[in-house]
């Protein structure tokens, strides 16, 4: 960040909207970076002394994730590929910890080496066998 950006004294969500409304990709990146540094919890890599120890609530967690995605876009649009990759790596490591988007390998359940299939309920099984027997009797 070339110059220090001061966040407006507003609520968290209003600060994020202000940051996302930068007039150019560079201004947007600078504002989002200021938001990121001010609000990213220390346990998730935040380095600011004012940064909280953890997420204060769901709004805080969602705002950080939204900021990370928008910051990645702003970095790409302003030609800051290395910074964009850093944030993408952070997202890959931390986004699932918010409970918003758990990372799970396709076709696996809870780390098991079995395909992810829904168990057939008893009523579905009875319906299926009833339909099959009706089809045979016709």
Foldseek 3Di string as FASTA:
>chain_A
DPDQDDFDPDDLVVSLVVLLPDPALVSSLNSLVNSLQQEPAVVLPRDDPNYHPDQPDLVSLVSNLVSLVSNLVSCVRVVNNVVSVVSVVSCVVPVVVSVPDNDDDAQDDPPDPHGDDDDDDPVNVVVVVVVVVVVVVD
